[in-house]
């Protein structure tokens, strides 16, 4: 089994927030896809939780529907 990408939890969290915002805006999937810049198939995969999007792509899509993304990076505990 391949190792999970370190960005996978961030992508999953952002996916959930995007879907929540779509619900808040009461967008149908076809409308949401257009707003996000996704194809209908990509919108379907987003809903299904299929991890096909890069973090950059999700951040860009989030910005299109009014989500501001902030990030912080820390050193591992005990180093520094």
N, C-alpha and C. Protein backbone atom coordinates (compact mmCIF):
# COMPACT_ATOMS: atom_id res chain seq x y z
N UNK A 1 0.85 -1.18 0.00
CA UNK A 1 0.00 0.00 0.00
C UNK A 1 0.89 1.24 0.00
N UNK A 2 0.64 2.22 -0.90
CA UNK A 2 1.48 3.40 -0.95
C UNK A 2 1.30 4.26 0.30
N UNK A 3 2.38 4.95 0.67
CA UNK A 3 2.33 5.84 1.83
C UNK A 3 1.40 7.01 1.53
N UNK A 4 0.68 7.44 2.54
CA UNK A 4 -0.23 8.56 2.40
C UNK A 4 0.57 9.85 2.31
N UNK A 5 0.18 10.72 1.40
CA UNK A 5 0.85 12.00 1.22
C UNK A 5 0.68 12.87 2.45
N UNK A 6 1.72 13.61 2.85
CA UNK A 6 1.60 14.51 3.99
C UNK A 6 0.52 15.58 3.79
N UNK A 7 0.20 15.91 2.53
CA UNK A 7 -0.82 16.92 2.29
C UNK A 7 -2.24 16.35 2.28
N UNK A 8 -2.38 15.04 2.36
CA UNK A 8 -3.72 14.41 2.30
C UNK A 8 -4.67 14.94 3.37
N UNK A 9 -4.25 15.07 4.63
CA UNK A 9 -5.19 15.60 5.63
C UNK A 9 -5.61 17.04 5.33
N UNK A 10 -4.70 17.85 4.80
CA UNK A 10 -5.04 19.23 4.44
C UNK A 10 -6.03 19.26 3.28
N UNK A 11 -5.81 18.41 2.29
CA UNK A 11 -6.73 18.34 1.15
C UNK A 11 -8.10 17.89 1.61
N UNK A 12 -8.15 16.90 2.50
CA UNK A 12 -9.43 16.40 3.00
C UNK A 12 -10.17 17.48 3.79
N UNK A 13 -9.46 18.21 4.62
CA UNK A 13 -10.09 19.27 5.41
C UNK A 13 -10.64 20.36 4.49
N UNK A 14 -9.89 20.72 3.49
CA UNK A 14 -10.33 21.76 2.56
C UNK A 14 -11.52 21.26 1.72
N UNK A 15 -11.49 20.01 1.33
CA UNK A 15 -12.62 19.42 0.59
C UNK A 15 -13.91 19.53 1.40
N UNK A 16 -13.85 19.19 2.68
CA UNK A 16 -15.02 19.27 3.55
C UNK A 16 -15.51 20.71 3.66
N UNK A 17 -14.59 21.65 3.79
CA UNK A 17 -14.97 23.06 3.91
C UNK A 17 -15.61 23.57 2.62
N UNK A 18 -15.06 23.16 1.48
CA UNK A 18 -15.64 23.56 0.19
C UNK A 18 -17.06 23.02 0.06
N UNK A 19 -17.26 21.76 0.40
CA UNK A 19 -18.60 21.17 0.31
C UNK A 19 -19.57 21.85 1.27
N UNK A 20 -19.08 22.22 2.43
CA UNK A 20 -19.91 22.94 3.39
C UNK A 20 -20.33 24.31 2.84
N UNK A 21 -19.39 25.00 2.21
CA UNK A 21 -19.69 26.31 1.64
C UNK A 21 -20.68 26.19 0.48
N UNK A 22 -20.55 25.14 -0.32
CA UNK A 22 -21.49 24.90 -1.42
C UNK A 22 -22.90 24.74 -0.85
N UNK A 23 -23.01 23.99 0.26
CA UNK A 23 -24.32 23.81 0.90
C UNK A 23 -24.84 25.15 1.44
N UNK A 24 -23.96 25.93 2.06
CA UNK A 24 -24.37 27.25 2.57
C UNK A 24 -24.92 28.14 1.46
N UNK A 25 -24.28 28.07 0.29
CA UNK A 25 -24.69 28.88 -0.85
C UNK A 25 -25.88 28.28 -1.59
N UNK A 26 -26.26 27.06 -1.21
CA UNK A 26 -27.38 26.34 -1.84
C UNK A 26 -27.19 26.19 -3.35
N UNK A 27 -25.95 25.83 -3.72
CA UNK A 27 -25.63 25.64 -5.13
C UNK A 27 -25.91 24.20 -5.54
N UNK A 28 -26.49 24.03 -6.70
CA UNK A 28 -26.62 22.71 -7.30
C UNK A 28 -25.24 22.32 -7.81
N UNK A 29 -25.02 21.03 -8.02
CA UNK A 29 -23.69 20.56 -8.43
C UNK A 29 -23.20 21.22 -9.71
N UNK A 30 -24.07 21.40 -10.67
CA UNK A 30 -23.65 22.00 -11.94
C UNK A 30 -23.24 23.46 -11.72
N UNK A 31 -23.94 24.16 -10.82
CA UNK A 31 -23.60 25.55 -10.49
C UNK A 31 -22.29 25.59 -9.71
N UNK A 32 -22.16 24.69 -8.76
CA UNK A 32 -20.94 24.62 -7.96
C UNK A 32 -19.72 24.33 -8.83
N UNK A 33 -19.88 23.39 -9.75
CA UNK A 33 -18.77 23.06 -10.65
C UNK A 33 -18.32 24.29 -11.43
N UNK A 34 -19.28 25.05 -11.94
CA UNK A 34 -18.95 26.25 -12.70
C UNK A 34 -18.25 27.28 -11.82
N UNK A 35 -18.74 27.47 -10.61
CA UNK A 35 -18.12 28.44 -9.68
C UNK A 35 -16.69 28.03 -9.32
N UNK A 36 -16.48 26.74 -9.12
CA UNK A 36 -15.17 26.22 -8.70
C UNK A 36 -14.19 26.10 -9.85
N UNK A 37 -14.71 26.12 -11.08
CA UNK A 37 -13.86 25.88 -12.23
C UNK A 37 -13.62 24.40 -12.48
N UNK A 38 -14.55 23.57 -12.03
CA UNK A 38 -14.46 22.12 -12.19
C UNK A 38 -15.39 21.66 -13.30
N UNK A 39 -15.09 20.53 -13.86
CA UNK A 39 -16.04 19.86 -14.76
C UNK A 39 -17.09 19.18 -13.88
N UNK A 40 -18.24 18.82 -14.45
CA UNK A 40 -19.22 18.07 -13.66
C UNK A 40 -18.64 16.77 -13.08
N UNK A 41 -17.78 16.10 -13.84
CA UNK A 41 -17.15 14.87 -13.35
C UNK A 41 -16.23 15.13 -12.17
N UNK A 42 -15.48 16.22 -12.23
CA UNK A 42 -14.62 16.58 -11.10
C UNK A 42 -15.45 16.92 -9.87
N UNK A 43 -16.58 17.60 -10.08
CA UNK A 43 -17.47 17.92 -8.97
C UNK A 43 -17.99 16.65 -8.32
N UNK A 44 -18.34 15.68 -9.14
CA UNK A 44 -18.81 14.40 -8.63
C UNK A 44 -17.72 13.71 -7.80
N UNK A 45 -16.49 13.73 -8.29
CA UNK A 45 -15.39 13.10 -7.55
C UNK A 45 -15.09 13.85 -6.25
N UNK A 46 -15.25 15.17 -6.26
CA UNK A 46 -15.08 15.94 -5.02
C UNK A 46 -16.10 15.48 -4.00
N UNK A 47 -17.36 15.34 -4.41
CA UNK A 47 -18.43 14.89 -3.50
C UNK A 47 -18.16 13.47 -2.98
N UNK A 48 -17.61 12.63 -3.84
CA UNK A 48 -17.34 11.23 -3.46
C UNK A 48 -16.11 11.09 -2.58
N UNK A 49 -15.32 12.15 -2.47
CA UNK A 49 -14.11 12.09 -1.66
C UNK A 49 -12.93 11.47 -2.38
N UNK A 50 -13.02 11.38 -3.70
CA UNK A 50 -11.90 10.84 -4.48
C UNK A 50 -10.79 11.87 -4.46
N UNK A 51 -9.62 11.47 -4.00
CA UNK A 51 -8.51 12.40 -3.78
C UNK A 51 -7.71 12.59 -5.07
N UNK A 52 -8.25 13.43 -5.98
CA UNK A 52 -7.59 13.66 -7.27
C UNK A 52 -7.07 15.08 -7.41
N UNK A 53 -7.39 15.94 -6.44
CA UNK A 53 -7.04 17.35 -6.57
C UNK A 53 -5.78 17.68 -5.79
N UNK A 54 -4.97 18.55 -6.38
CA UNK A 54 -3.80 19.04 -5.66
C UNK A 54 -4.25 20.07 -4.63
N UNK A 55 -3.42 20.33 -3.67
CA UNK A 55 -3.72 21.34 -2.67
C UNK A 55 -3.87 22.71 -3.34
N UNK A 56 -3.01 23.01 -4.30
CA UNK A 56 -3.12 24.27 -5.04
C UNK A 56 -4.48 24.41 -5.71
N UNK A 57 -4.93 23.35 -6.34
CA UNK A 57 -6.21 23.38 -7.06
C UNK A 57 -7.37 23.61 -6.11
N UNK A 58 -7.33 22.96 -4.95
CA UNK A 58 -8.39 23.13 -3.96
C UNK A 58 -8.38 24.54 -3.37
N UNK A 59 -7.20 25.10 -3.14
CA UNK A 59 -7.10 26.46 -2.63
C UNK A 59 -7.68 27.44 -3.64
N UNK A 60 -7.35 27.26 -4.90
CA UNK A 60 -7.91 28.13 -5.95
C UNK A 60 -9.42 28.00 -6.02
N UNK A 61 -9.92 26.78 -5.98
CA UNK A 61 -11.37 26.56 -6.04
C UNK A 61 -12.06 27.19 -4.83
N UNK A 62 -11.47 27.04 -3.67
CA UNK A 62 -12.04 27.63 -2.45
C UNK A 62 -12.15 29.14 -2.57
N UNK A 63 -11.13 29.76 -3.12
CA UNK A 63 -11.14 31.21 -3.28
C UNK A 63 -12.29 31.67 -4.17
N UNK A 64 -12.64 30.86 -5.16
CA UNK A 64 -13.73 31.21 -6.08
C UNK A 64 -15.08 31.28 -5.38
N UNK A 65 -15.22 30.62 -4.24
CA UNK A 65 -16.50 30.66 -3.53
C UNK A 65 -16.38 31.35 -2.17
N UNK A 66 -15.34 32.18 -2.05
CA UNK A 66 -15.24 33.05 -0.88
C UNK A 66 -14.57 32.46 0.34
N UNK A 67 -13.85 31.38 0.18
CA UNK A 67 -13.13 30.79 1.31
C UNK A 67 -11.69 31.29 1.28
N UNK A 68 -11.26 31.84 2.39
CA UNK A 68 -9.88 32.29 2.54
C UNK A 68 -9.09 31.19 3.24
N UNK A 69 -7.98 30.80 2.68
CA UNK A 69 -7.17 29.73 3.25
C UNK A 69 -5.90 30.31 3.84
N UNK A 70 -5.64 29.96 5.08
CA UNK A 70 -4.40 30.34 5.75
C UNK A 70 -3.64 29.09 6.12
N UNK A 71 -2.34 29.19 6.13
CA UNK A 71 -1.52 28.03 6.43
C UNK A 71 -0.40 28.44 7.37
N UNK A 72 0.00 27.54 8.23
CA UNK A 72 1.18 27.78 9.04
C UNK A 72 2.05 26.53 8.99
N UNK A 73 3.31 26.75 9.15
CA UNK A 73 4.25 25.63 9.15
C UNK A 73 5.06 25.71 10.44
N UNK A 74 5.28 24.58 11.04
CA UNK A 74 6.03 24.53 12.30
C UNK A 74 7.15 23.51 12.19
N UNK A 75 8.12 23.69 13.04
CA UNK A 75 9.20 22.70 13.12
C UNK A 75 8.70 21.50 13.93
N UNK A 76 9.23 20.35 13.66
CA UNK A 76 8.89 19.19 14.49
C UNK A 76 9.29 19.47 15.95
N UNK A 77 8.53 18.95 16.87
CA UNK A 77 8.79 19.15 18.30
C UNK A 77 10.23 18.75 18.63
N UNK A 78 10.90 19.61 19.37
CA UNK A 78 12.25 19.31 19.85
C UNK A 78 13.36 19.68 18.88
N UNK A 79 13.03 20.27 17.74
CA UNK A 79 14.06 20.64 16.77
C UNK A 79 14.12 22.16 16.64
N UNK A 80 14.99 22.74 17.32
CA UNK A 80 15.14 24.13 17.06
C UNK A 80 15.22 24.99 18.22
